[in-house]
PDB file of N, CA and C in Angstrom:
ATOM      1  N   MET A   1      -1.919  -6.712  -8.580  1.00  0.00           N
ATOM      2  CA  MET A   1      -1.953  -6.035  -7.286  1.00  0.00           C
ATOM      3  C   MET A   1      -2.923  -6.791  -6.383  1.00  0.00           C
ATOM      4  N   ARG A   2      -2.526  -6.902  -5.118  1.00  0.00           N
ATOM      5  CA  ARG A   2      -3.396  -7.494  -4.113  1.00  0.00           C
ATOM      6  C   ARG A   2      -4.049  -6.362  -3.318  1.00  0.00           C
ATOM      7  N   ILE A   3      -5.273  -6.601  -2.949  1.00  0.00           N
ATOM      8  CA  ILE A   3      -5.986  -5.647  -2.087  1.00  0.00           C
ATOM      9  C   ILE A   3      -6.244  -6.376  -0.761  1.00  0.00           C
ATOM     10  N   ILE A   4      -5.768  -5.686   0.323  1.00  0.00           N
ATOM     11  CA  ILE A   4      -5.951  -6.226   1.661  1.00  0.00           C
ATOM     12  C   ILE A   4      -6.879  -5.325   2.415  1.00  0.00           C
ATOM     13  N   HIS A   5      -8.001  -5.851   2.897  1.00  0.00           N
ATOM     14  CA  HIS A   5      -8.965  -5.070   3.665  1.00  0.00           C
ATOM     15  C   HIS A   5      -8.856  -5.500   5.118  1.00  0.00           C
ATOM     16  N   TRP A   6      -8.867  -4.510   6.023  1.00  0.00           N
ATOM     17  CA  TRP A   6      -8.682  -4.761   7.437  1.00  0.00           C
ATOM     18  C   TRP A   6      -9.748  -5.680   7.985  1.00  0.00           C
ATOM     19  N   ASP A   7     -10.940  -5.662   7.459  1.00  0.00           N
ATOM     20  CA  ASP A   7     -12.011  -6.536   7.942  1.00  0.00           C
ATOM     21  C   ASP A   7     -12.193  -7.653   6.947  1.00  0.00           C
ATOM     22  N   LYS A   8     -11.597  -8.778   7.186  1.00  0.00           N
ATOM     23  CA  LYS A   8     -11.567  -9.893   6.193  1.00  0.00           C
ATOM     24  C   LYS A   8     -12.982 -10.512   6.009  1.00  0.00           C
ATOM     25  N   LYS A   9     -13.855 -10.303   6.974  1.00  0.00           N
ATOM     26  CA  LYS A   9     -15.223 -10.866   6.893  1.00  0.00           C
ATOM     27  C   LYS A   9     -16.118 -10.045   5.953  1.00  0.00           C
ATOM     28  N   ARG A  10     -15.774  -8.793   5.760  1.00  0.00           N
ATOM     29  CA  ARG A  10     -16.599  -7.908   4.988  1.00  0.00           C
ATOM     30  C   ARG A  10     -16.293  -7.995   3.509  1.00  0.00           C
ATOM     31  N   LYS A  11     -17.335  -8.067   2.667  1.00  0.00           N
ATOM     32  CA  LYS A  11     -17.169  -8.046   1.247  1.00  0.00           C
ATOM     33  C   LYS A  11     -16.745  -6.665   0.776  1.00  0.00           C
ATOM     34  N   PHE A  12     -15.751  -6.585  -0.121  1.00  0.00           N
ATOM     35  CA  PHE A  12     -15.287  -5.284  -0.595  1.00  0.00           C
ATOM     36  C   PHE A  12     -15.173  -5.407  -2.106  1.00  0.00           C
ATOM     37  N   PRO A  13     -15.567  -4.372  -2.835  1.00  0.00           N
ATOM     38  CA  PRO A  13     -15.589  -4.463  -4.307  1.00  0.00           C
ATOM     39  C   PRO A  13     -14.234  -4.409  -4.995  1.00  0.00           C
ATOM     40  N   THR A  14     -13.462  -5.457  -4.786  1.00  0.00           N
ATOM     41  CA  THR A  14     -12.103  -5.445  -5.393  1.00  0.00           C
ATOM     42  C   THR A  14     -12.119  -5.308  -6.875  1.00  0.00           C
ATOM     43  N   GLU A  15     -13.138  -5.914  -7.569  1.00  0.00           N
ATOM     44  CA  GLU A  15     -13.198  -5.835  -9.012  1.00  0.00           C
ATOM     45  C   GLU A  15     -13.391  -4.418  -9.477  1.00  0.00           C
ATOM     46  N   ALA A  16     -14.046  -3.567  -8.689  1.00  0.00           N
ATOM     47  CA  ALA A  16     -14.198  -2.137  -9.050  1.00  0.00           C
ATOM     48  C   ALA A  16     -12.950  -1.318  -8.782  1.00  0.00           C
ATOM     49  N   ILE A  17     -12.091  -1.811  -7.899  1.00  0.00           N
ATOM     50  CA  ILE A  17     -10.869  -1.060  -7.482  1.00  0.00           C
ATOM     51  C   ILE A  17      -9.731  -1.384  -8.432  1.00  0.00           C
ATOM     52  N   LEU A  18      -9.565  -2.606  -8.841  1.00  0.00           N
ATOM     53  CA  LEU A  18      -8.402  -3.072  -9.570  1.00  0.00           C
ATOM     54  C   LEU A  18      -8.078  -2.363 -10.917  1.00  0.00           C
ATOM     55  N   PRO A  19      -9.041  -2.074 -11.732  1.00  0.00           N
ATOM     56  CA  PRO A  19      -8.688  -1.457 -13.008  1.00  0.00           C
ATOM     57  C   PRO A  19      -7.852  -0.163 -12.810  1.00  0.00           C
ATOM     58  N   ASP A  20      -8.264   0.690 -11.876  1.00  0.00           N
ATOM     59  CA  ASP A  20      -7.500   1.958 -11.609  1.00  0.00           C
ATOM     60  C   ASP A  20      -7.840   2.377 -10.190  1.00  0.00           C
ATOM     61  N   TRP A  21      -7.031   1.938  -9.259  1.00  0.00           N
ATOM     62  CA  TRP A  21      -7.343   2.168  -7.862  1.00  0.00           C
ATOM     63  C   TRP A  21      -7.288   3.658  -7.514  1.00  0.00           C
ATOM     64  N   ARG A  22      -6.435   4.447  -8.120  1.00  0.00           N
ATOM     65  CA  ARG A  22      -6.366   5.934  -7.826  1.00  0.00           C
ATOM     66  C   ARG A  22      -7.684   6.584  -8.271  1.00  0.00           C
ATOM     67  N   LYS A  23      -8.216   6.195  -9.415  1.00  0.00           N
ATOM     68  CA  LYS A  23      -9.452   6.777  -9.907  1.00  0.00           C
ATOM     69  C   LYS A  23     -10.578   6.374  -8.936  1.00  0.00           C
ATOM     70  N   TRP A  24     -10.591   5.111  -8.517  1.00  0.00           N
ATOM     71  CA  TRP A  24     -11.623   4.651  -7.562  1.00  0.00           C
ATOM     72  C   TRP A  24     -11.497   5.459  -6.292  1.00  0.00           C
ATOM     73  N   ALA A  25     -10.266   5.645  -5.782  1.00  0.00           N
ATOM     74  CA  ALA A  25     -10.058   6.355  -4.527  1.00  0.00           C
ATOM     75  C   ALA A  25     -10.604   7.831  -4.648  1.00  0.00           C
ATOM     76  N   LYS A  26     -10.277   8.438  -5.741  1.00  0.00           N
ATOM     77  CA  LYS A  26     -10.727   9.810  -5.930  1.00  0.00           C
ATOM     78  C   LYS A  26     -12.234   9.904  -5.993  1.00  0.00           C
ATOM     79  N   GLN A  27     -12.844   8.957  -6.744  1.00  0.00           N
ATOM     80  CA  GLN A  27     -14.321   8.946  -6.848  1.00  0.00           C
ATOM     81  C   GLN A  27     -14.995   8.682  -5.481  1.00  0.00           C
ATOM     82  N   HIS A  28     -14.284   8.045  -4.561  1.00  0.00           N
ATOM     83  CA  HIS A  28     -14.864   7.750  -3.259  1.00  0.00           C
ATOM     84  C   HIS A  28     -14.401   8.707  -2.172  1.00  0.00           C
ATOM     85  N   GLY A  29     -13.795   9.808  -2.569  1.00  0.00           N
ATOM     86  CA  GLY A  29     -13.451  10.911  -1.649  1.00  0.00           C
ATOM     87  C   GLY A  29     -12.131  10.857  -0.979  1.00  0.00           C
ATOM     88  N   TYR A  30     -11.307   9.906  -1.358  1.00  0.00           N
ATOM     89  CA  TYR A  30      -9.946   9.830  -0.736  1.00  0.00           C
ATOM     90  C   TYR A  30      -9.040  10.877  -1.355  1.00  0.00           C
ATOM     91  N   LEU A  31      -8.175  11.409  -0.479  1.00  0.00           N
ATOM     92  CA  LEU A  31      -7.200  12.441  -0.912  1.00  0.00           C
ATOM     93  C   LEU A  31      -5.809  11.998  -0.515  1.00  0.00           C
ATOM     94  N   LEU A  32      -4.833  12.272  -1.365  1.00  0.00           N
ATOM     95  CA  LEU A  32      -3.492  11.938  -1.042  1.00  0.00           C
ATOM     96  C   LEU A  32      -3.072  12.718   0.220  1.00  0.00           C
ATOM     97  N   ASP A  33      -2.686  12.000   1.296  1.00  0.00           N
ATOM     98  CA  ASP A  33      -2.322  12.584   2.550  1.00  0.00           C
ATOM     99  C   ASP A  33      -0.822  12.736   2.680  1.00  0.00           C
ATOM    100  N   SER A  34      -0.106  11.745   2.278  1.00  0.00           N
ATOM    101  CA  SER A  34       1.383  11.791   2.377  1.00  0.00           C
ATOM    102  C   SER A  34       2.031  10.696   1.549  1.00  0.00           C
ATOM    103  N   THR A  35       3.318  10.851   1.374  1.00  0.00           N
ATOM    104  CA  THR A  35       4.119   9.783   0.749  1.00  0.00           C
ATOM    105  C   THR A  35       5.297   9.479   1.682  1.00  0.00           C
ATOM    106  N   VAL A  36       5.710   8.242   1.618  1.00  0.00           N
ATOM    107  CA  VAL A  36       6.782   7.768   2.470  1.00  0.00           C
ATOM    108  C   VAL A  36       7.822   7.083   1.580  1.00  0.00           C
ATOM    109  N   PRO A  37       8.957   7.737   1.350  1.00  0.00           N
ATOM    110  CA  PRO A  37      10.014   7.113   0.569  1.00  0.00           C
ATOM    111  C   PRO A  37      10.770   6.043   1.361  1.00  0.00           C
ATOM    112  N   LEU A  38      11.188   5.038   0.647  1.00  0.00           N
ATOM    113  CA  LEU A  38      11.962   3.957   1.249  1.00  0.00           C
ATOM    114  C   LEU A  38      13.092   3.592   0.284  1.00  0.00           C
ATOM    115  N   THR A  39      14.327   3.611   0.774  1.00  0.00           N
ATOM    116  CA  THR A  39      15.472   3.283  -0.078  1.00  0.00           C
ATOM    117  C   THR A  39      16.305   2.223   0.640  1.00  0.00           C
ATOM    118  N   TYR A  40      16.785   1.256  -0.165  1.00  0.00           N
ATOM    119  CA  TYR A  40      17.714   0.275   0.308  1.00  0.00           C
ATOM    120  C   TYR A  40      18.697   0.060  -0.807  1.00  0.00           C
ATOM    121  N   GLY A  41      19.940   0.343  -0.536  1.00  0.00           N
ATOM    122  CA  GLY A  41      20.971   0.198  -1.569  1.00  0.00           C
ATOM    123  C   GLY A  41      20.649   1.152  -2.723  1.00  0.00           C
ATOM    124  N   LYS A  42      20.600   0.570  -3.932  1.00  0.00           N
ATOM    125  CA  LYS A  42      20.323   1.341  -5.149  1.00  0.00           C
ATOM    126  C   LYS A  42      18.870   1.317  -5.535  1.00  0.00           C
ATOM    127  N   MET A  43      17.995   0.698  -4.724  1.00  0.00           N
ATOM    128  CA  MET A  43      16.554   0.674  -5.043  1.00  0.00           C
ATOM    129  C   MET A  43      15.765   1.536  -4.127  1.00  0.00           C
ATOM    130  N   SER A  44      14.656   2.073  -4.624  1.00  0.00           N
ATOM    131  CA  SER A  44      13.810   2.865  -3.813  1.00  0.00           C
ATOM    132  C   SER A  44      12.324   2.722  -4.323  1.00  0.00           C
ATOM    133  N   ILE A  45      11.424   2.924  -3.416  1.00  0.00           N
ATOM    134  CA  ILE A  45       9.984   2.974  -3.698  1.00  0.00           C
ATOM    135  C   ILE A  45       9.363   4.112  -2.947  1.00  0.00           C
ATOM    136  N   LEU A  46       8.149   4.402  -3.221  1.00  0.00           N
ATOM    137  CA  LEU A  46       7.419   5.509  -2.597  1.00  0.00           C
ATOM    138  C   LEU A  46       6.037   4.999  -2.193  1.00  0.00           C
ATOM    139  N   PHE A  47       5.835   4.804  -0.888  1.00  0.00           N
ATOM    140  CA  PHE A  47       4.498   4.444  -0.404  1.00  0.00           C
ATOM    141  C   PHE A  47       3.578   5.661  -0.516  1.00  0.00           C
ATOM    142  N   GLU A  48       2.309   5.424  -0.831  1.00  0.00           N
ATOM    143  CA  GLU A  48       1.352   6.524  -0.911  1.00  0.00           C
ATOM    144  C   GLU A  48       0.280   6.236   0.166  1.00  0.00           C
ATOM    145  N   ILE A  49      -0.087   7.318   0.922  1.00  0.00           N
ATOM    146  CA  ILE A  49      -1.142   7.187   1.894  1.00  0.00           C
ATOM    147  C   ILE A  49      -2.209   8.163   1.573  1.00  0.00           C
ATOM    148  N   TYR A  50      -3.455   7.594   1.419  1.00  0.00           N
ATOM    149  CA  TYR A  50      -4.619   8.390   1.109  1.00  0.00           C
ATOM    150  C   TYR A  50      -5.531   8.349   2.335  1.00  0.00           C
ATOM    151  N   LYS A  51      -6.235   9.467   2.551  1.00  0.00           N
ATOM    152  CA  LYS A  51      -7.123   9.554   3.740  1.00  0.00           C
ATOM    153  C   LYS A  51      -8.491  10.003   3.256  1.00  0.00           C
ATOM    154  N   HIS A  52      -9.506   9.443   3.876  1.00  0.00           N
ATOM    155  CA  HIS A  52     -10.881   9.864   3.579  1.00  0.00           C
ATOM    156  C   HIS A  52     -11.169  11.022   4.589  1.00  0.00           C
ATOM    157  N   PRO A  53     -11.645  12.148   4.094  1.00  0.00           N
ATOM    158  CA  PRO A  53     -11.916  13.290   5.000  1.00  0.00           C
ATOM    159  C   PRO A  53     -13.064  13.094   6.002  1.00  0.00           C
ATOM    160  N   ASP A  54     -13.954  12.144   5.709  1.00  0.00           N
ATOM    161  CA  ASP A  54     -15.029  11.861   6.641  1.00  0.00           C
ATOM    162  C   ASP A  54     -14.557  10.896   7.719  1.00  0.00           C
ATOM    163  N   THR A  55     -14.378  11.391   8.915  1.00  0.00           N
ATOM    164  CA  THR A  55     -13.836  10.563   9.969  1.00  0.00           C
ATOM    165  C   THR A  55     -14.773   9.443  10.408  1.00  0.00           C
ATOM    166  N   ARG A  56     -15.999   9.462   9.956  1.00  0.00           N
ATOM    167  CA  ARG A  56     -16.952   8.388  10.258  1.00  0.00           C
ATOM    168  C   ARG A  56     -16.801   7.211   9.334  1.00  0.00           C
ATOM    169  N   SER A  57     -15.930   7.354   8.335  1.00  0.00           N
ATOM    170  CA  SER A  57     -15.688   6.296   7.345  1.00  0.00           C
ATOM    171  C   SER A  57     -15.012   5.107   8.065  1.00  0.00           C
ATOM    172  N   LYS A  58     -15.470   3.898   7.778  1.00  0.00           N
ATOM    173  CA  LYS A  58     -14.866   2.710   8.347  1.00  0.00           C
ATOM    174  C   LYS A  58     -13.549   2.381   7.635  1.00  0.00           C
ATOM    175  N   GLU A  59     -13.384   2.901   6.457  1.00  0.00           N
ATOM    176  CA  GLU A  59     -12.156   2.723   5.641  1.00  0.00           C
ATOM    177  C   GLU A  59     -11.493   4.061   5.517  1.00  0.00           C
ATOM    178  N   THR A  60     -10.850   4.543   6.558  1.00  0.00           N
ATOM    179  CA  THR A  60     -10.322   5.888   6.616  1.00  0.00           C
ATOM    180  C   THR A  60      -9.036   6.039   5.752  1.00  0.00           C
ATOM    181  N   TYR A  61      -8.196   5.004   5.716  1.00  0.00           N
ATOM    182  CA  TYR A  61      -6.904   5.156   5.049  1.00  0.00           C
ATOM    183  C   TYR A  61      -6.731   4.083   3.960  1.00  0.00           C
ATOM    184  N   LEU A  62      -5.991   4.525   2.936  1.00  0.00           N
ATOM    185  CA  LEU A  62      -5.500   3.613   1.909  1.00  0.00           C
ATOM    186  C   LEU A  62      -3.987   3.695   1.930  1.00  0.00           C
ATOM    187  N   LEU A  63      -3.325   2.573   1.991  1.00  0.00           N
ATOM    188  CA  LEU A  63      -1.882   2.545   1.942  1.00  0.00           C
ATOM    189  C   LEU A  63      -1.504   1.745   0.699  1.00  0.00           C
ATOM    190  N   TYR A  64      -0.809   2.434  -0.221  1.00  0.00           N
ATOM    191  CA  TYR A  64      -0.362   1.807  -1.456  1.00  0.00           C
ATOM    192  C   TYR A  64       1.110   1.495  -1.351  1.00  0.00           C
ATOM    193  N   HIS A  65       1.414   0.165  -1.509  1.00  0.00           N
ATOM    194  CA  HIS A  65       2.772  -0.329  -1.550  1.00  0.00           C
ATOM    195  C   HIS A  65       3.069  -0.632  -3.026  1.00  0.00           C
ATOM    196  N   PRO A  66       3.921   0.169  -3.675  1.00  0.00           N
ATOM    197  CA  PRO A  66       4.184  -0.051  -5.115  1.00  0.00           C
ATOM    198  C   PRO A  66       4.977  -1.304  -5.368  1.00  0.00           C
ATOM    199  N   PRO A  67       5.005  -1.738  -6.638  1.00  0.00           N
ATOM    200  CA  PRO A  67       5.821  -2.903  -6.959  1.00  0.00           C
ATOM    201  C   PRO A  67       7.301  -2.653  -6.743  1.00  0.00           C
ATOM    202  N   ILE A  68       8.043  -3.707  -6.439  1.00  0.00           N
ATOM    203  CA  ILE A  68       9.465  -3.555  -6.216  1.00  0.00           C
ATOM    204  C   ILE A  68      10.180  -4.223  -7.367  1.00  0.00           C
ATOM    205  N   GLY A  69      10.728  -3.462  -8.263  1.00  0.00           N
ATOM    206  CA  GLY A  69      11.403  -4.012  -9.411  1.00  0.00           C
ATOM    207  C   GLY A  69      10.502  -4.946 -10.175  1.00  0.00           C
ATOM    208  N   ALA A  70      10.993  -6.064 -10.575  1.00  0.00           N
ATOM    209  CA  ALA A  70      10.208  -7.070 -11.277  1.00  0.00           C
ATOM    210  C   ALA A  70       9.704  -8.159 -10.365  1.00  0.00           C
ATOM    211  N   ALA A  71       9.828  -7.983  -9.025  1.00  0.00           N
ATOM    212  CA  ALA A  71       9.418  -8.992  -8.103  1.00  0.00           C
ATOM    213  C   ALA A  71       7.864  -9.176  -8.140  1.00  0.00           C
ATOM    214  N   ALA A  72       7.428 -10.397  -8.180  1.00  0.00           N
ATOM    215  CA  ALA A  72       5.995 -10.694  -8.258  1.00  0.00           C
ATOM    216  C   ALA A  72       5.309 -10.468  -6.930  1.00  0.00           C
ATOM    217  N   ASN A  73       4.054 -10.091  -6.969  1.00  0.00           N
ATOM    218  CA  ASN A  73       3.217  -9.933  -5.773  1.00  0.00           C
ATOM    219  C   ASN A  73       3.696  -8.947  -4.742  1.00  0.00           C
ATOM    220  N   THR A  74       4.365  -7.889  -5.175  1.00  0.00           N
ATOM    221  CA  THR A  74       4.787  -6.872  -4.173  1.00  0.00           C
ATOM    222  C   THR A  74       3.942  -5.669  -4.205  1.00  0.00           C
ATOM    223  N   GLU A  75       3.057  -5.522  -5.199  1.00  0.00           N
ATOM    224  CA  GLU A  75       2.168  -4.343  -5.273  1.00  0.00           C
ATOM    225  C   GLU A  75       0.916  -4.627  -4.427  1.00  0.00           C
ATOM    226  N   ILE A  76       0.643  -3.784  -3.429  1.00  0.00           N
ATOM    227  CA  ILE A  76      -0.433  -4.002  -2.468  1.00  0.00           C
ATOM    228  C   ILE A  76      -1.146  -2.737  -2.149  1.00  0.00           C
ATOM    229  N   LEU A  77      -2.465  -2.802  -2.045  1.00  0.00           N
ATOM    230  CA  LEU A  77      -3.283  -1.689  -1.603  1.00  0.00           C
ATOM    231  C   LEU A  77      -3.929  -2.197  -0.286  1.00  0.00           C
ATOM    232  N   CYS A  78      -3.646  -1.494   0.799  1.00  0.00           N
ATOM    233  CA  CYS A  78      -4.239  -1.832   2.100  1.00  0.00           C
ATOM    234  C   CYS A  78      -5.358  -0.843   2.421  1.00  0.00           C
ATOM    235  N   ILE A  79      -6.539  -1.322   2.809  1.00  0.00           N
ATOM    236  CA  ILE A  79      -7.617  -0.477   3.180  1.00  0.00           C
ATOM    237  C   ILE A  79      -7.752  -0.609   4.704  1.00  0.00           C
ATOM    238  N   LEU A  80      -7.582   0.508   5.385  1.00  0.00           N
ATOM    239  CA  LEU A  80      -7.429   0.466   6.891  1.00  0.00           C
ATOM    240  C   LEU A  80      -8.343   1.437   7.574  1.00  0.00           C
ATOM    241  N   PRO A  81      -8.722   1.119   8.841  1.00  0.00           N
ATOM    242  CA  PRO A  81      -9.756   1.881   9.549  1.00  0.00           C
ATOM    243  C   PRO A  81      -9.240   3.107  10.282  1.00  0.00           C
ATOM    244  N   ASP A  82      -7.940   3.082  10.749  1.00  0.00           N
ATOM    245  CA  ASP A  82      -7.491   4.181  11.588  1.00  0.00           C
ATOM    246  C   ASP A  82      -5.981   4.346  11.499  1.00  0.00           C
ATOM    247  N   ASN A  83      -5.491   5.387  12.061  1.00  0.00           N
ATOM    248  CA  ASN A  83      -4.067   5.735  11.969  1.00  0.00           C
ATOM    249  C   ASN A  83      -3.183   4.693  12.740  1.00  0.00           C
ATOM    250  N   ILE A  84      -3.705   4.182  13.785  1.00  0.00           N
ATOM    251  CA  ILE A  84      -2.911   3.180  14.556  1.00  0.00           C
ATOM    252  C   ILE A  84      -2.595   1.979  13.671  1.00  0.00           C
ATOM    253  N   MET A  85      -3.650   1.451  13.025  1.00  0.00           N
ATOM    254  CA  MET A  85      -3.441   0.285  12.142  1.00  0.00           C
ATOM    255  C   MET A  85      -2.578   0.673  10.942  1.00  0.00           C
ATOM    256  N   LEU A  86      -2.807   1.885  10.427  1.00  0.00           N
ATOM    257  CA  LEU A  86      -1.970   2.380   9.314  1.00  0.00           C
ATOM    258  C   LEU A  86      -0.497   2.329   9.660  1.00  0.00           C
ATOM    259  N   GLN A  87      -0.144   2.872  10.817  1.00  0.00           N
ATOM    260  CA  GLN A  87       1.259   2.899  11.210  1.00  0.00           C
ATOM    261  C   GLN A  87       1.809   1.518  11.370  1.00  0.00           C
ATOM    262  N   GLN A  88       1.032   0.568  11.954  1.00  0.00           N
ATOM    263  CA  GLN A  88       1.515  -0.784  12.163  1.00  0.00           C
ATOM    264  C   GLN A  88       1.736  -1.479  10.804  1.00  0.00           C
ATOM    265  N   ILE A  89       0.804  -1.335   9.911  1.00  0.00           N
ATOM    266  CA  ILE A  89       0.929  -2.005   8.604  1.00  0.00           C
ATOM    267  C   ILE A  89       2.032  -1.334   7.784  1.00  0.00           C
ATOM    268  N   LEU A  90       2.173  -0.027   7.876  1.00  0.00           N
ATOM    269  CA  LEU A  90       3.265   0.672   7.149  1.00  0.00           C
ATOM    270  C   LEU A  90       4.615   0.151   7.587  1.00  0.00           C
ATOM    271  N   GLU A  91       4.812  -0.021   8.879  1.00  0.00           N
ATOM    272  CA  GLU A  91       6.104  -0.528   9.399  1.00  0.00           C
ATOM    273  C   GLU A  91       6.347  -1.951   8.907  1.00  0.00           C
ATOM    274  N   ALA A  92       5.283  -2.812   8.901  1.00  0.00           N
ATOM    275  CA  ALA A  92       5.450  -4.168   8.412  1.00  0.00           C
ATOM    276  C   ALA A  92       5.771  -4.166   6.930  1.00  0.00           C
ATOM    277  N   GLU A  93       5.083  -3.347   6.166  1.00  0.00           N
ATOM    278  CA  GLU A  93       5.302  -3.255   4.702  1.00  0.00           C
ATOM    279  C   GLU A  93       6.696  -2.702   4.396  1.00  0.00           C
ATOM    280  N   LYS A  94       7.198  -1.808   5.192  1.00  0.00           N
ATOM    281  CA  LYS A  94       8.563  -1.321   5.011  1.00  0.00           C
ATOM    282  C   LYS A  94       9.578  -2.467   5.215  1.00  0.00           C
ATOM    283  N   GLN A  95       9.395  -3.242   6.270  1.00  0.00           N
ATOM    284  CA  GLN A  95      10.286  -4.365   6.529  1.00  0.00           C
ATOM    285  C   GLN A  95      10.261  -5.398   5.413  1.00  0.00           C
ATOM    286  N   MET A  96       9.030  -5.663   4.905  1.00  0.00           N
ATOM    287  CA  MET A  96       8.912  -6.603   3.797  1.00  0.00           C
ATOM    288  C   MET A  96       9.597  -6.048   2.561  1.00  0.00           C
ATOM    289  N   ALA A  97       9.417  -4.785   2.264  1.00  0.00           N
ATOM    290  CA  ALA A  97      10.043  -4.156   1.112  1.00  0.00           C
ATOM    291  C   ALA A  97      11.554  -4.193   1.162  1.00  0.00           C
ATOM    292  N   ILE A  98      12.090  -3.914   2.356  1.00  0.00           N
ATOM    293  CA  ILE A  98      13.555  -3.973   2.534  1.00  0.00           C
ATOM    294  C   ILE A  98      14.082  -5.373   2.298  1.00  0.00           C
ATOM    295  N   SER A  99      13.364  -6.359   2.802  1.00  0.00           N
ATOM    296  CA  SER A  99      13.752  -7.763   2.569  1.00  0.00           C
ATOM    297  C   SER A  99      13.769  -8.110   1.092  1.00  0.00           C
ATOM    298  N   VAL A 100      12.746  -7.677   0.338  1.00  0.00           N
ATOM    299  CA  VAL A 100      12.671  -7.959  -1.088  1.00  0.00           C
ATOM    300  C   VAL A 100      13.790  -7.248  -1.815  1.00  0.00           C
ATOM    301  N   MET A 101      14.004  -5.973  -1.484  1.00  0.00           N
ATOM    302  CA  MET A 101      15.101  -5.179  -2.114  1.00  0.00           C
ATOM    303  C   MET A 101      16.462  -5.827  -1.873  1.00  0.00           C
ATOM    304  N   LYS A 102      16.644  -6.297  -0.670  1.00  0.00           N
ATOM    305  CA  LYS A 102      17.898  -6.939  -0.314  1.00  0.00           C
ATOM    306  C   LYS A 102      18.123  -8.168  -1.167  1.00  0.00           C
ATOM    307  N   LEU A 103      17.090  -9.005  -1.296  1.00  0.00           N
ATOM    308  CA  LEU A 103      17.203 -10.246  -2.071  1.00  0.00           C
ATOM    309  C   LEU A 103      17.451  -9.934  -3.560  1.00  0.00           C
ATOM    310  N   ILE A 104      16.717  -8.948  -4.071  1.00  0.00           N
ATOM    311  CA  ILE A 104      16.939  -8.600  -5.481  1.00  0.00           C
ATOM    312  C   ILE A 104      18.343  -8.111  -5.712  1.00  0.00           C
ATOM    313  N   GLN A 105      18.853  -7.295  -4.829  1.00  0.00           N
ATOM    314  CA  GLN A 105      20.244  -6.804  -5.023  1.00  0.00           C
ATOM    315  C   GLN A 105      21.286  -7.903  -4.817  1.00  0.00           C
ATOM    316  N   GLN A 106      21.033  -8.868  -3.953  1.00  0.00           N
ATOM    317  CA  GLN A 106      21.914  -9.967  -3.782  1.00  0.00           C
ATOM    318  C   GLN A 106      21.950 -10.852  -5.029  1.00  0.00           C
ATOM    319  N   ASP A 107      20.742 -11.058  -5.635  1.00  0.00           N
ATOM    320  CA  ASP A 107      20.644 -11.833  -6.852  1.00  0.00           C
ATOM    321  C   ASP A 107      21.399 -11.164  -7.996  1.00  0.00           C
ATOM    322  N   GLU A 108      21.311  -9.819  -8.081  1.00  0.00           N
ATOM    323  CA  GLU A 108      21.989  -9.087  -9.134  1.00  0.00           C
ATOM    324  C   GLU A 108      23.512  -9.160  -8.991  1.00  0.00           C
ATOM    325  N   GLN A 109      23.998  -9.312  -7.805  1.00  0.00           N
ATOM    326  CA  GLN A 109      25.422  -9.376  -7.547  1.00  0.00           C
ATOM    327  C   GLN A 109      25.990 -10.771  -7.765  1.00  0.00           C
ATOM    328  N   SER A 110      25.100 -11.772  -7.816  1.00  0.00           N
ATOM    329  CA  SER A 110      25.563 -13.167  -7.941  1.00  0.00           C
ATOM    330  C   SER A 110      25.866 -13.461  -9.428  1.00  0.00           C
TER     331      SER A 110
END
C-alpha cells in the first residue's frame, strides 16, 4: 500500500500506519464517514472515507483506495486536509480505478 499525504514536505509516520491502517485511524480518532462503490464491467471496489471529528485537524480525511484485483500498486491511502481536496482526489482515483479495471478485463478477454 502507498500512503499519499497532501503536504509532501511534512514528515508523516508511514511506518506506524502500514501494519494496520484501520487500527491506526481508529486510535487517532478517525471514524468511517462513507463508502463509495465503483463498478466497471464485472469488477467492483469500495472506496472508504474516514473523517476526523476535530475540524481543527490538519488531516481531516482519509481516503482508502482498495486494491484492484491482482494489479500491483493500486492500494492507496490518501491523507487529506479538507472536503474540497477529498472530492478532487476521489474523482481522480475513480478515473484511475476505471482505467485499471478496463485494462484487466481486456487482458482477461485476450
